[in-house]
Amino acid sequence: MLPAQIDDDAFDALHERPQDWLPELRTLADALGPLGDGELRPASGGGSALVALLGEDRVLKCYPPNMQDHFAYELGALPVLADRLAVPSPRLLADGVHHGWPWMLMTRLAGTPMTAAWPVRDEPGKNALLRQIGALIAQVHALPVPESMRPRSLVWVDFIAHQRAGCAARQQRTGLPDHLLAQLAAFLDGPLPDGPQALLTGEYTPMNLLVDAGDAARLAGMYDFGDGLIGPRAYDWLGPLCFLAAGQPARIAALRAGLGLAAPWSADERRQLLRLMLLHRYSCLRAQIRLDGWQQAASFEALADRLWAE
């Protein structure tokens, strides 16, 4: 039986032992009748949930009890996004609670993980993907925010206040260079990106995107919305800006074109983006900024320019 309570470290250990949790998910699937038919096998990744492939066309996802908020947001977001975007997202088939662990059954998307496809793409192919990612982000942000989603999201100002309070400790723990740590408090004492509130997924990264199996320059799917929020749209720009476009002016321009942004970001706007990156829910610059030597930037202002100037 899955434990009624579990902390993050214990969950991470359990996640790495599918032989210990697959039988429980099999019991859950068996209770779904025809929807639960098919071979059950662990999916790669999974992050903050236990994820298994069911048959050839379904995914069973089970959140630990301490991630109820992530479950609630994804449960609400799935029907809001499904069949409304140019790029497919999963459709919700069933949901419930199993021994205190909330779960959902959804359709499985076709495609190849972008994590495998991106490194072998040429620059025109990468730019084409970034334009599509930008257009997808803009399409999601153009959707009206359903009132039903607001109770499922943290309040943006409260979220930012919480992130500010823990930012220095997090950045020290995750390996921000000492010379930048010394400048952190002063740099954070500045404006953040603002604008109309949008439905954020926070997941426009290679780990949550699929490309077409026959054409790796064509985006084919997006999934995993448990980390979502409602807030300024710039929060969703950070994933592709860091993982895919950092320090590459042509890639940045391609993403902006997809987003529908005509002018390059000003120096002040680049600094606002970097402040928001430091306050991101999972901020860890050494893992997220895919640009060699960024740690040598003398200041945050210089780092923002190195990352996103064109």
Protein backbone atom coordinates (compact mmCIF):
# COMPACT_ATOMS: atom_id res chain seq x y z
CA MET A 1 0.00 0.00 0.00
CA LEU A 2 1.19 3.54 -0.72
CA PRO A 3 2.07 5.44 2.48
CA ALA A 4 -0.61 7.80 3.76
CA GLN A 5 2.03 10.49 4.33
CA ILE A 6 5.39 10.93 2.63
CA ASP A 7 8.01 13.69 2.55
CA ASP A 8 9.99 14.77 -0.49
CA ASP A 9 13.07 12.67 0.22
CA ALA A 10 11.02 9.52 0.86
CA PHE A 11 9.01 10.15 -2.30
CA ASP A 12 12.16 10.55 -4.39
CA ALA A 13 13.42 7.23 -3.06
CA LEU A 14 10.08 5.54 -3.77
CA HIS A 15 9.96 7.03 -7.25
CA GLU A 16 13.20 5.26 -8.10
CA ARG A 17 11.77 1.86 -7.08
CA PRO A 18 8.90 1.19 -9.52
CA GLN A 19 8.72 -2.40 -8.28
CA ASP A 20 7.37 -0.96 -5.01
CA TRP A 21 4.62 1.22 -6.51
CA LEU A 22 3.60 -0.39 -9.80
CA PRO A 23 1.54 -3.09 -8.01
CA GLU A 24 -0.52 -0.35 -6.32
CA LEU A 25 -1.13 1.39 -9.61
CA ARG A 26 -2.07 -1.99 -11.10
CA THR A 27 -4.71 -2.37 -8.37
CA LEU A 28 -5.97 1.11 -9.18
CA ALA A 29 -6.09 0.38 -12.92
CA ASP A 30 -7.93 -2.89 -12.38
CA ALA A 31 -10.68 -0.99 -10.57
CA LEU A 32 -11.28 1.19 -13.65
CA GLY A 33 -12.82 -1.59 -15.70
CA PRO A 34 -12.13 -1.42 -19.46
CA LEU A 35 -10.36 1.92 -19.04
CA GLY A 36 -7.72 0.16 -16.95
CA ASP A 37 -7.01 -2.70 -19.34
CA GLY A 38 -3.53 -3.13 -20.74
CA GLU A 39 0.06 -3.59 -19.68
CA LEU A 40 1.24 -1.16 -17.00
CA ARG A 41 4.86 0.01 -17.09
CA PRO A 42 6.74 2.95 -15.56
CA ALA A 43 7.15 6.04 -17.71
CA SER A 44 10.44 7.86 -17.91
CA GLY A 45 10.64 11.04 -15.88
CA GLY A 46 7.61 11.64 -13.70
CA GLY A 47 9.17 14.28 -11.46
CA SER A 48 6.77 14.96 -8.61
CA ALA A 49 4.35 12.10 -9.36
CA LEU A 50 4.31 8.38 -10.06
CA VAL A 51 3.62 8.00 -13.77
CA ALA A 52 2.92 4.79 -15.66
CA LEU A 53 1.98 3.99 -19.25
CA LEU A 54 -1.22 1.96 -19.49
CA GLY A 55 -1.61 0.01 -22.69
CA GLU A 56 -0.55 1.98 -25.75
CA ASP A 57 -2.75 5.05 -25.41
CA ARG A 58 -3.19 6.01 -21.76
CA VAL A 59 -1.13 7.47 -18.91
CA LEU A 60 -1.87 6.91 -15.22
CA LYS A 61 -0.46 9.61 -12.95
CA CYS A 62 -0.55 9.42 -9.15
CA TYR A 63 0.45 12.38 -6.97
CA PRO A 64 1.73 12.04 -3.38
CA PRO A 65 -0.60 13.47 -0.70
CA ASN A 66 1.66 16.50 -0.12
CA MET A 67 1.23 17.55 -3.78
CA GLN A 68 -2.53 18.02 -3.68
CA ASP A 69 -2.18 21.57 -4.99
CA HIS A 70 -0.24 20.43 -8.06
CA PHE A 71 -2.81 17.71 -8.71
CA ALA A 72 -5.69 20.18 -8.38
CA TYR A 73 -4.13 22.61 -10.86
CA GLU A 74 -3.38 19.95 -13.46
CA LEU A 75 -6.82 18.39 -13.02
CA GLY A 76 -8.39 21.75 -13.79
CA ALA A 77 -6.00 22.66 -16.62
CA LEU A 78 -6.38 19.46 -18.65
CA PRO A 79 -9.97 20.11 -19.84
CA VAL A 80 -9.25 23.82 -20.30
CA LEU A 81 -6.42 23.10 -22.75
CA ALA A 82 -7.46 19.86 -24.45
CA ASP A 83 -8.54 20.25 -28.09
CA ARG A 84 -8.17 24.04 -27.95
CA LEU A 85 -4.57 24.44 -29.11
CA ALA A 86 -2.65 23.92 -32.31
CA VAL A 87 -0.46 21.43 -30.43
CA PRO A 88 -2.18 18.46 -28.71
CA SER A 89 -2.33 18.11 -24.94
CA PRO A 90 -3.69 15.13 -22.97
CA ARG A 91 -7.42 14.61 -22.45
CA LEU A 92 -8.62 13.68 -18.98
CA LEU A 93 -10.34 10.27 -18.85
CA ALA A 94 -10.86 9.66 -15.12
CA ASP A 95 -9.63 10.84 -11.72
CA GLY A 96 -9.96 9.97 -8.04
CA VAL A 97 -8.07 9.25 -4.84
CA HIS A 98 -6.32 5.97 -3.97
CA HIS A 99 -5.34 5.56 -0.29
CA GLY A 100 -4.92 9.33 -0.01
CA TRP A 101 -2.97 9.66 -3.28
CA PRO A 102 -4.88 11.68 -5.92
CA TRP A 103 -4.65 10.24 -9.42
CA MET A 104 -5.71 10.93 -12.97
CA LEU A 105 -5.96 8.86 -16.12
CA MET A 106 -5.32 10.70 -19.38
CA THR A 107 -4.67 10.04 -23.04
CA ARG A 108 -1.11 9.43 -24.16
CA LEU A 109 0.27 11.77 -26.81
CA ALA A 110 2.13 10.62 -29.92
CA GLY A 111 5.61 11.95 -30.60
CA THR A 112 9.26 11.86 -29.63
CA PRO A 113 10.58 13.55 -26.47
CA MET A 114 12.17 16.87 -27.30
CA THR A 115 15.01 16.05 -24.90
CA ALA A 116 16.26 13.52 -27.47
CA ALA A 117 15.46 15.53 -30.60
CA TRP A 118 16.79 18.97 -29.66
CA PRO A 119 20.55 18.22 -29.39
CA VAL A 120 20.71 16.79 -32.93
CA ARG A 121 18.70 19.52 -34.67
CA ASP A 122 20.50 22.04 -36.85
CA GLU A 123 20.06 25.74 -36.13
CA PRO A 124 17.23 26.29 -38.63
CA GLY A 125 15.39 23.37 -37.04
CA LYS A 126 15.94 24.73 -33.54
CA ASN A 127 14.73 28.17 -34.58
CA ALA A 128 11.64 26.62 -36.18
CA LEU A 129 10.85 24.81 -32.94
CA LEU A 130 11.35 27.96 -30.88
CA ARG A 131 8.93 29.89 -33.11
CA GLN A 132 6.37 27.13 -32.58
CA ILE A 133 6.97 27.10 -28.82
CA GLY A 134 6.50 30.86 -28.72
CA ALA A 135 3.28 30.60 -30.72
CA LEU A 136 2.01 27.85 -28.41
CA ILE A 137 2.75 29.93 -25.31
CA ALA A 138 0.96 32.92 -26.85
CA GLN A 139 -2.03 30.74 -27.73
CA VAL A 140 -2.36 29.44 -24.16
CA HIS A 141 -1.94 32.94 -22.73
CA ALA A 142 -4.68 34.24 -25.03
CA LEU A 143 -7.23 31.89 -23.45
CA PRO A 144 -9.50 33.52 -20.86
CA VAL A 145 -8.56 32.44 -17.35
CA PRO A 146 -11.54 30.40 -16.11
CA GLU A 147 -12.81 31.43 -12.71
CA SER A 148 -12.71 27.73 -11.79
CA MET A 149 -8.91 27.82 -12.07
CA ARG A 150 -8.31 30.69 -9.66
CA PRO A 151 -8.87 28.67 -6.46
CA ARG A 152 -6.48 26.05 -7.85
CA SER A 153 -3.59 28.52 -8.16
CA LEU A 154 -1.45 30.26 -5.60
CA VAL A 155 -2.15 34.00 -5.47
CA TRP A 156 0.64 35.58 -7.51
CA VAL A 157 1.64 38.28 -4.99
CA ASP A 158 1.72 35.71 -2.21
CA PHE A 159 3.76 33.33 -4.36
CA ILE A 160 6.32 36.03 -5.14
CA ALA A 161 6.54 37.07 -1.48
CA HIS A 162 7.20 33.46 -0.48
CA GLN A 163 9.84 33.07 -3.19
CA ARG A 164 11.56 36.29 -2.13
CA ALA A 165 11.73 35.11 1.47
CA GLY A 166 13.51 31.90 0.52
CA CYS A 167 15.49 33.12 -2.48
CA ALA A 168 18.91 33.66 -0.87
CA ALA A 169 18.91 30.27 0.86
CA ARG A 170 17.76 28.54 -2.32
CA GLN A 171 20.36 30.21 -4.53
CA GLN A 172 23.14 29.38 -2.07
CA ARG A 173 21.95 25.77 -1.86
CA THR A 174 21.73 25.38 -5.64
CA GLY A 175 25.20 26.72 -6.35
CA LEU A 176 24.90 30.34 -7.42
CA PRO A 177 28.49 31.72 -7.55
CA ASP A 178 29.58 33.58 -4.42
CA HIS A 179 30.18 36.90 -6.19
CA LEU A 180 26.61 36.87 -7.48
CA LEU A 181 25.21 35.77 -4.13
CA ALA A 182 26.76 38.88 -2.62
CA GLN A 183 24.79 41.02 -5.08
CA LEU A 184 21.51 39.12 -4.82
CA ALA A 185 19.60 41.25 -2.32
CA ALA A 186 20.37 44.51 -4.13
CA PHE A 187 19.50 43.06 -7.53
CA LEU A 188 16.19 41.60 -6.37
CA ASP A 189 15.19 45.05 -5.08
CA GLY A 190 13.89 46.00 -8.50
CA PRO A 191 10.83 45.55 -10.72
CA LEU A 192 9.56 42.26 -12.08
CA PRO A 193 7.75 41.62 -15.37
CA ASP A 194 4.12 42.63 -15.11
CA GLY A 195 1.04 42.50 -17.28
CA PRO A 196 -2.34 40.81 -17.51
CA GLN A 197 -2.74 37.57 -15.63
CA ALA A 198 -2.60 34.47 -17.80
CA LEU A 199 -2.95 30.74 -17.40
CA LEU A 200 0.64 29.61 -16.82
CA THR A 201 1.89 26.05 -17.19
CA GLY A 202 5.57 26.68 -16.44
CA GLU A 203 6.40 23.69 -18.62
CA TYR A 204 7.61 24.89 -22.01
CA THR A 205 10.87 22.98 -21.67
CA PRO A 206 12.26 19.95 -23.53
CA MET A 207 11.16 17.70 -20.65
CA ASN A 208 7.49 18.47 -21.31
CA LEU A 209 7.35 18.82 -25.09
CA LEU A 210 7.14 16.29 -27.92
CA VAL A 211 8.18 16.59 -31.54
CA ASP A 212 6.82 14.74 -34.54
CA ALA A 213 8.43 11.32 -34.95
CA GLY A 214 8.79 11.91 -38.69
CA ASP A 215 9.75 15.59 -38.55
CA ALA A 216 11.76 16.64 -35.51
CA ALA A 217 11.39 20.31 -36.46
CA ARG A 218 7.63 20.15 -35.81
CA LEU A 219 6.18 20.42 -32.32
CA ALA A 220 3.75 17.55 -31.65
CA GLY A 221 2.55 17.79 -28.04
CA MET A 222 2.82 19.30 -24.56
CA TYR A 223 1.99 17.79 -21.19
CA ASP A 224 2.44 18.00 -17.39
CA PHE A 225 0.70 21.04 -15.90
CA GLY A 226 1.04 20.43 -12.18
CA ASP A 227 3.51 23.31 -11.71
CA GLY A 228 1.13 25.87 -13.16
CA LEU A 229 0.05 29.22 -11.77
CA ILE A 230 -2.00 32.23 -12.75
CA GLY A 231 0.23 35.25 -13.22
CA PRO A 232 2.17 37.44 -15.70
CA ARG A 233 2.93 35.67 -18.97
CA ALA A 234 6.71 36.28 -18.73
CA TYR A 235 6.94 33.46 -16.17
CA ASP A 236 6.28 30.96 -18.98
CA TRP A 237 8.94 32.50 -21.23
CA LEU A 238 11.72 31.53 -18.84
CA GLY A 239 11.85 27.81 -19.66
CA PRO A 240 12.70 28.17 -23.36
CA LEU A 241 14.78 31.29 -22.72
CA CYS A 242 17.06 29.38 -20.34
CA PHE A 243 17.03 25.79 -21.56
CA LEU A 244 16.95 26.47 -25.30
CA ALA A 245 17.89 30.02 -26.26
CA ALA A 246 20.29 31.47 -23.66
CA GLY A 247 23.08 33.44 -25.31
CA GLN A 248 21.81 32.74 -28.84
CA PRO A 249 20.38 35.91 -30.45
CA ALA A 250 18.82 34.12 -33.45
CA ARG A 251 17.06 31.64 -31.18
CA ILE A 252 15.81 34.44 -28.91
CA ALA A 253 14.48 36.30 -31.95
CA ALA A 254 12.70 33.13 -33.12
CA LEU A 255 11.02 32.67 -29.74
CA ARG A 256 9.99 36.33 -29.64
CA ALA A 257 8.58 36.06 -33.16
CA GLY A 258 6.43 33.13 -32.07
CA LEU A 259 5.31 35.07 -29.00
CA GLY A 260 4.30 37.97 -31.23
CA LEU A 261 6.81 40.38 -29.66
CA ALA A 262 8.25 42.73 -32.25
CA ALA A 263 11.01 44.57 -30.39
CA PRO A 264 13.97 42.96 -28.61
CA TRP A 265 13.89 43.17 -24.83
CA SER A 266 15.47 46.30 -23.41
CA ALA A 267 18.25 46.12 -20.82
CA ASP A 268 15.68 46.82 -18.09
CA GLU A 269 13.35 44.10 -19.39
CA ARG A 270 16.20 41.58 -19.48
CA ARG A 271 16.96 42.36 -15.83
CA GLN A 272 13.32 41.92 -14.91
CA LEU A 273 13.33 38.50 -16.57
CA LEU A 274 16.44 37.48 -14.62
CA ARG A 275 14.87 38.59 -11.33
CA LEU A 276 11.86 36.45 -12.12
CA MET A 277 14.16 33.54 -12.97
CA LEU A 278 15.81 33.86 -9.55
CA LEU A 279 12.34 33.73 -7.97
CA HIS A 280 11.08 30.83 -10.07
CA ARG A 281 9.49 27.95 -8.19
CA TYR A 282 12.37 25.65 -9.18
CA SER A 283 15.13 28.20 -9.70
CA CYS A 284 18.52 26.52 -10.11
CA LEU A 285 20.59 28.51 -12.55
CA ARG A 286 23.41 25.98 -12.86
CA ALA A 287 20.91 23.39 -14.15
CA GLN A 288 18.63 25.67 -16.14
CA ILE A 289 20.95 28.06 -17.98
CA ARG A 290 22.37 26.12 -20.91
CA LEU A 291 25.21 28.51 -21.71
CA ASP A 292 28.83 27.69 -20.95
CA GLY A 293 30.65 30.20 -18.78
CA TRP A 294 27.62 32.15 -17.56
CA GLN A 295 29.00 31.87 -14.01
CA GLN A 296 31.82 34.26 -14.94
CA ALA A 297 29.47 37.21 -15.49
CA ALA A 298 30.62 39.98 -13.14
CA SER A 299 27.10 41.07 -12.20
CA PHE A 300 23.46 40.12 -12.65
CA GLU A 301 23.10 43.02 -15.09
CA ALA A 302 25.94 41.61 -17.19
CA LEU A 303 24.45 38.13 -16.94
CA ALA A 304 21.04 39.31 -18.14
CA ASP A 305 22.70 40.92 -21.17
CA ARG A 306 24.79 37.83 -21.88
CA LEU A 307 21.71 35.62 -21.75
CA TRP A 308 19.14 37.61 -23.68
CA ALA A 309 20.67 40.55 -25.57
CA GLU A 310 20.28 40.55 -29.36
